[in-house]
Amino acid sequence: MKKIEAVIKPFKLEEVKSALVERGISGMTVSEVKGYGRQKGHTELYRGAEYVVDFIPKIKLEIVVRDEEVEGIIEAIIKSAKTGKIGDGKIFVTPVERAIRIRTQESDEEAI
């Protein structure tokens, strides 16, 4: 099993979610996060004062999938989240040693 974490632009969430549902993903965790990378920050004007926004709002998706599903899920995220502009996001894939569904105590692939 693998955990896929994708950090994307907030306005792309519905498009990415639809692409993942089409791929058969039945559950995911979504968090509102802030961060920066090469995009850095930007300056904004508020009540006549200029200030720097260092952290850009993003959405982080977390999905645990079977090993054989990873490449298709990555492809779906890239296709639906890409704008071609700086700040499109990142995808991280890490191994998952164990998963347990609390209600039924099913474990590993049966739990996802």
C-alpha atoms as a PDB file:
ATOM      1  CA  MET A   1       0.000   0.000   0.000  1.00  0.00           C
ATOM      2  CA  LYS A   2       1.074   3.565  -0.644  1.00  0.00           C
ATOM      3  CA  LYS A   3       0.004   6.941   0.701  1.00  0.00           C
ATOM      4  CA  ILE A   4      -0.296   9.646  -1.927  1.00  0.00           C
ATOM      5  CA  GLU A   5      -0.165  13.215  -0.682  1.00  0.00           C
ATOM      6  CA  ALA A   6      -0.933  15.922  -3.204  1.00  0.00           C
ATOM      7  CA  VAL A   7      -0.675  19.645  -2.540  1.00  0.00           C
ATOM      8  CA  ILE A   8      -2.758  21.528  -5.102  1.00  0.00           C
ATOM      9  CA  LYS A   9      -4.314  24.923  -5.794  1.00  0.00           C
ATOM     10  CA  PRO A  10      -7.625  25.328  -3.923  1.00  0.00           C
ATOM     11  CA  PHE A  11      -9.731  26.035  -7.026  1.00  0.00           C
ATOM     12  CA  LYS A  12      -8.643  22.690  -8.519  1.00  0.00           C
ATOM     13  CA  LEU A  13     -10.086  20.567  -5.693  1.00  0.00           C
ATOM     14  CA  GLU A  14     -13.429  19.684  -7.314  1.00  0.00           C
ATOM     15  CA  GLU A  15     -11.778  18.808 -10.616  1.00  0.00           C
ATOM     16  CA  VAL A  16      -9.220  16.567  -8.898  1.00  0.00           C
ATOM     17  CA  LYS A  17     -11.903  14.955  -6.721  1.00  0.00           C
ATOM     18  CA  SER A  18     -13.995  14.139  -9.813  1.00  0.00           C
ATOM     19  CA  ALA A  19     -10.981  12.599 -11.549  1.00  0.00           C
ATOM     20  CA  LEU A  20     -10.234  10.444  -8.509  1.00  0.00           C
ATOM     21  CA  VAL A  21     -13.852   9.299  -8.148  1.00  0.00           C
ATOM     22  CA  GLU A  22     -13.767   8.250 -11.828  1.00  0.00           C
ATOM     23  CA  ARG A  23     -10.692   6.149 -10.934  1.00  0.00           C
ATOM     24  CA  GLY A  24     -12.653   4.397  -8.182  1.00  0.00           C
ATOM     25  CA  ILE A  25     -11.303   6.258  -5.160  1.00  0.00           C
ATOM     26  CA  SER A  26     -13.999   6.098  -2.500  1.00  0.00           C
ATOM     27  CA  GLY A  27     -12.314   8.110   0.239  1.00  0.00           C
ATOM     28  CA  MET A  28      -9.689  10.742   0.859  1.00  0.00           C
ATOM     29  CA  THR A  29      -8.663  13.262   3.482  1.00  0.00           C
ATOM     30  CA  VAL A  30      -8.639  16.926   2.470  1.00  0.00           C
ATOM     31  CA  SER A  31      -6.950  19.664   4.505  1.00  0.00           C
ATOM     32  CA  GLU A  32      -6.576  23.386   3.995  1.00  0.00           C
ATOM     33  CA  VAL A  33      -2.884  24.156   4.358  1.00  0.00           C
ATOM     34  CA  LYS A  34      -0.482  27.013   3.738  1.00  0.00           C
ATOM     35  CA  GLY A  35       3.045  26.876   2.428  1.00  0.00           C
ATOM     36  CA  TYR A  36       5.522  28.086  -0.117  1.00  0.00           C
ATOM     37  CA  GLY A  37       8.069  26.698  -2.504  1.00  0.00           C
ATOM     38  CA  ARG A  38       9.484  28.217  -5.647  1.00  0.00           C
ATOM     39  CA  GLN A  39       6.322  30.288  -5.903  1.00  0.00           C
ATOM     40  CA  LYS A  40       7.504  32.217  -2.816  1.00  0.00           C
ATOM     41  CA  GLY A  41       5.020  34.740  -1.493  1.00  0.00           C
ATOM     42  CA  HIS A  42       3.483  37.893  -2.835  1.00  0.00           C
ATOM     43  CA  THR A  43       2.646  41.406  -1.663  1.00  0.00           C
ATOM     44  CA  GLU A  44      -0.869  42.646  -0.990  1.00  0.00           C
ATOM     45  CA  LEU A  45      -2.349  45.992  -0.124  1.00  0.00           C
ATOM     46  CA  TYR A  46      -4.590  46.274   2.951  1.00  0.00           C
ATOM     47  CA  ARG A  47      -5.963  49.643   4.117  1.00  0.00           C
ATOM     48  CA  GLY A  48      -3.216  51.459   2.288  1.00  0.00           C
ATOM     49  CA  ALA A  49      -0.411  49.383   3.768  1.00  0.00           C
ATOM     50  CA  GLU A  50       1.604  46.918   1.745  1.00  0.00           C
ATOM     51  CA  TYR A  51       2.457  43.604   3.364  1.00  0.00           C
ATOM     52  CA  VAL A  52       4.069  40.340   2.295  1.00  0.00           C
ATOM     53  CA  VAL A  53       2.086  37.107   2.240  1.00  0.00           C
ATOM     54  CA  ASP A  54       4.736  34.437   2.794  1.00  0.00           C
ATOM     55  CA  PHE A  55       2.474  31.407   2.899  1.00  0.00           C
ATOM     56  CA  ILE A  56       0.159  30.624   0.003  1.00  0.00           C
ATOM     57  CA  PRO A  57      -3.161  28.814   0.692  1.00  0.00           C
ATOM     58  CA  LYS A  58      -3.213  25.286  -0.736  1.00  0.00           C
ATOM     59  CA  ILE A  59      -5.217  22.073  -0.426  1.00  0.00           C
ATOM     60  CA  LYS A  60      -3.582  18.832   0.691  1.00  0.00           C
ATOM     61  CA  LEU A  61      -5.155  15.524  -0.353  1.00  0.00           C
ATOM     62  CA  GLU A  62      -4.188  12.276   1.343  1.00  0.00           C
ATOM     63  CA  ILE A  63      -5.156   8.955  -0.230  1.00  0.00           C
ATOM     64  CA  VAL A  64      -4.053   5.417   0.650  1.00  0.00           C
ATOM     65  CA  VAL A  65      -4.188   3.014  -2.298  1.00  0.00           C
ATOM     66  CA  ARG A  66      -3.013  -0.407  -3.399  1.00  0.00           C
ATOM     67  CA  ASP A  67       0.423  -0.454  -5.022  1.00  0.00           C
ATOM     68  CA  GLU A  68      -0.996  -1.225  -8.459  1.00  0.00           C
ATOM     69  CA  GLU A  69      -3.243   1.878  -8.366  1.00  0.00           C
ATOM     70  CA  VAL A  70      -0.493   4.422  -7.683  1.00  0.00           C
ATOM     71  CA  GLU A  71       0.515   5.372 -11.236  1.00  0.00           C
ATOM     72  CA  GLY A  72      -3.091   5.800 -12.413  1.00  0.00           C
ATOM     73  CA  ILE A  73      -3.916   8.001  -9.425  1.00  0.00           C
ATOM     74  CA  ILE A  74      -0.825  10.149  -9.969  1.00  0.00           C
ATOM     75  CA  GLU A  75      -1.747  10.546 -13.640  1.00  0.00           C
ATOM     76  CA  ALA A  76      -5.317  11.578 -12.732  1.00  0.00           C
ATOM     77  CA  ILE A  77      -4.098  14.165 -10.212  1.00  0.00           C
ATOM     78  CA  ILE A  78      -1.583  15.683 -12.614  1.00  0.00           C
ATOM     79  CA  LYS A  79      -4.068  15.848 -15.471  1.00  0.00           C
ATOM     80  CA  SER A  80      -6.773  17.511 -13.372  1.00  0.00           C
ATOM     81  CA  ALA A  81      -4.610  19.805 -11.190  1.00  0.00           C
ATOM     82  CA  LYS A  82      -2.195  21.156 -13.793  1.00  0.00           C
ATOM     83  CA  THR A  83      -2.562  24.760 -14.942  1.00  0.00           C
ATOM     84  CA  GLY A  84       0.935  25.054 -16.392  1.00  0.00           C
ATOM     85  CA  LYS A  85       1.734  27.961 -14.072  1.00  0.00           C
ATOM     86  CA  ILE A  86       4.036  28.157 -11.071  1.00  0.00           C
ATOM     87  CA  GLY A  87       2.466  26.840  -7.868  1.00  0.00           C
ATOM     88  CA  ASP A  88       0.534  23.903  -9.376  1.00  0.00           C
ATOM     89  CA  GLY A  89       1.710  21.793  -6.439  1.00  0.00           C
ATOM     90  CA  LYS A  90       3.518  18.573  -5.623  1.00  0.00           C
ATOM     91  CA  ILE A  91       2.750  14.884  -5.192  1.00  0.00           C
ATOM     92  CA  PHE A  92       4.502  12.693  -2.618  1.00  0.00           C
ATOM     93  CA  VAL A  93       4.247   8.883  -2.451  1.00  0.00           C
ATOM     94  CA  THR A  94       5.251   6.988   0.688  1.00  0.00           C
ATOM     95  CA  PRO A  95       4.882   3.369   1.790  1.00  0.00           C
ATOM     96  CA  VAL A  96       2.149   2.445   4.292  1.00  0.00           C
ATOM     97  CA  GLU A  97       3.061  -0.407   6.619  1.00  0.00           C
ATOM     98  CA  ARG A  98      -0.390  -0.998   8.016  1.00  0.00           C
ATOM     99  CA  ALA A  99      -3.983   0.259   7.840  1.00  0.00           C
ATOM    100  CA  ILE A 100      -6.813  -0.639  10.201  1.00  0.00           C
ATOM    101  CA  ARG A 101     -10.503   0.203   9.940  1.00  0.00           C
ATOM    102  CA  ILE A 102     -11.537   0.983  13.507  1.00  0.00           C
ATOM    103  CA  ARG A 103     -15.192  -0.051  13.189  1.00  0.00           C
ATOM    104  CA  THR A 104     -14.610  -3.565  11.811  1.00  0.00           C
ATOM    105  CA  GLN A 105     -10.935  -4.056  12.673  1.00  0.00           C
ATOM    106  CA  GLU A 106     -10.265  -5.025   9.055  1.00  0.00           C
ATOM    107  CA  SER A 107      -6.637  -4.457   8.227  1.00  0.00           C
ATOM    108  CA  ASP A 108      -4.367  -3.526   5.374  1.00  0.00           C
ATOM    109  CA  GLU A 109      -5.930  -3.646   1.882  1.00  0.00           C
ATOM    110  CA  GLU A 110      -9.338  -4.670   3.266  1.00  0.00           C
ATOM    111  CA  ALA A 111      -9.279  -1.502   5.370  1.00  0.00           C
ATOM    112  CA  ILE A 112      -8.816   0.837   2.442  1.00  0.00           C
END
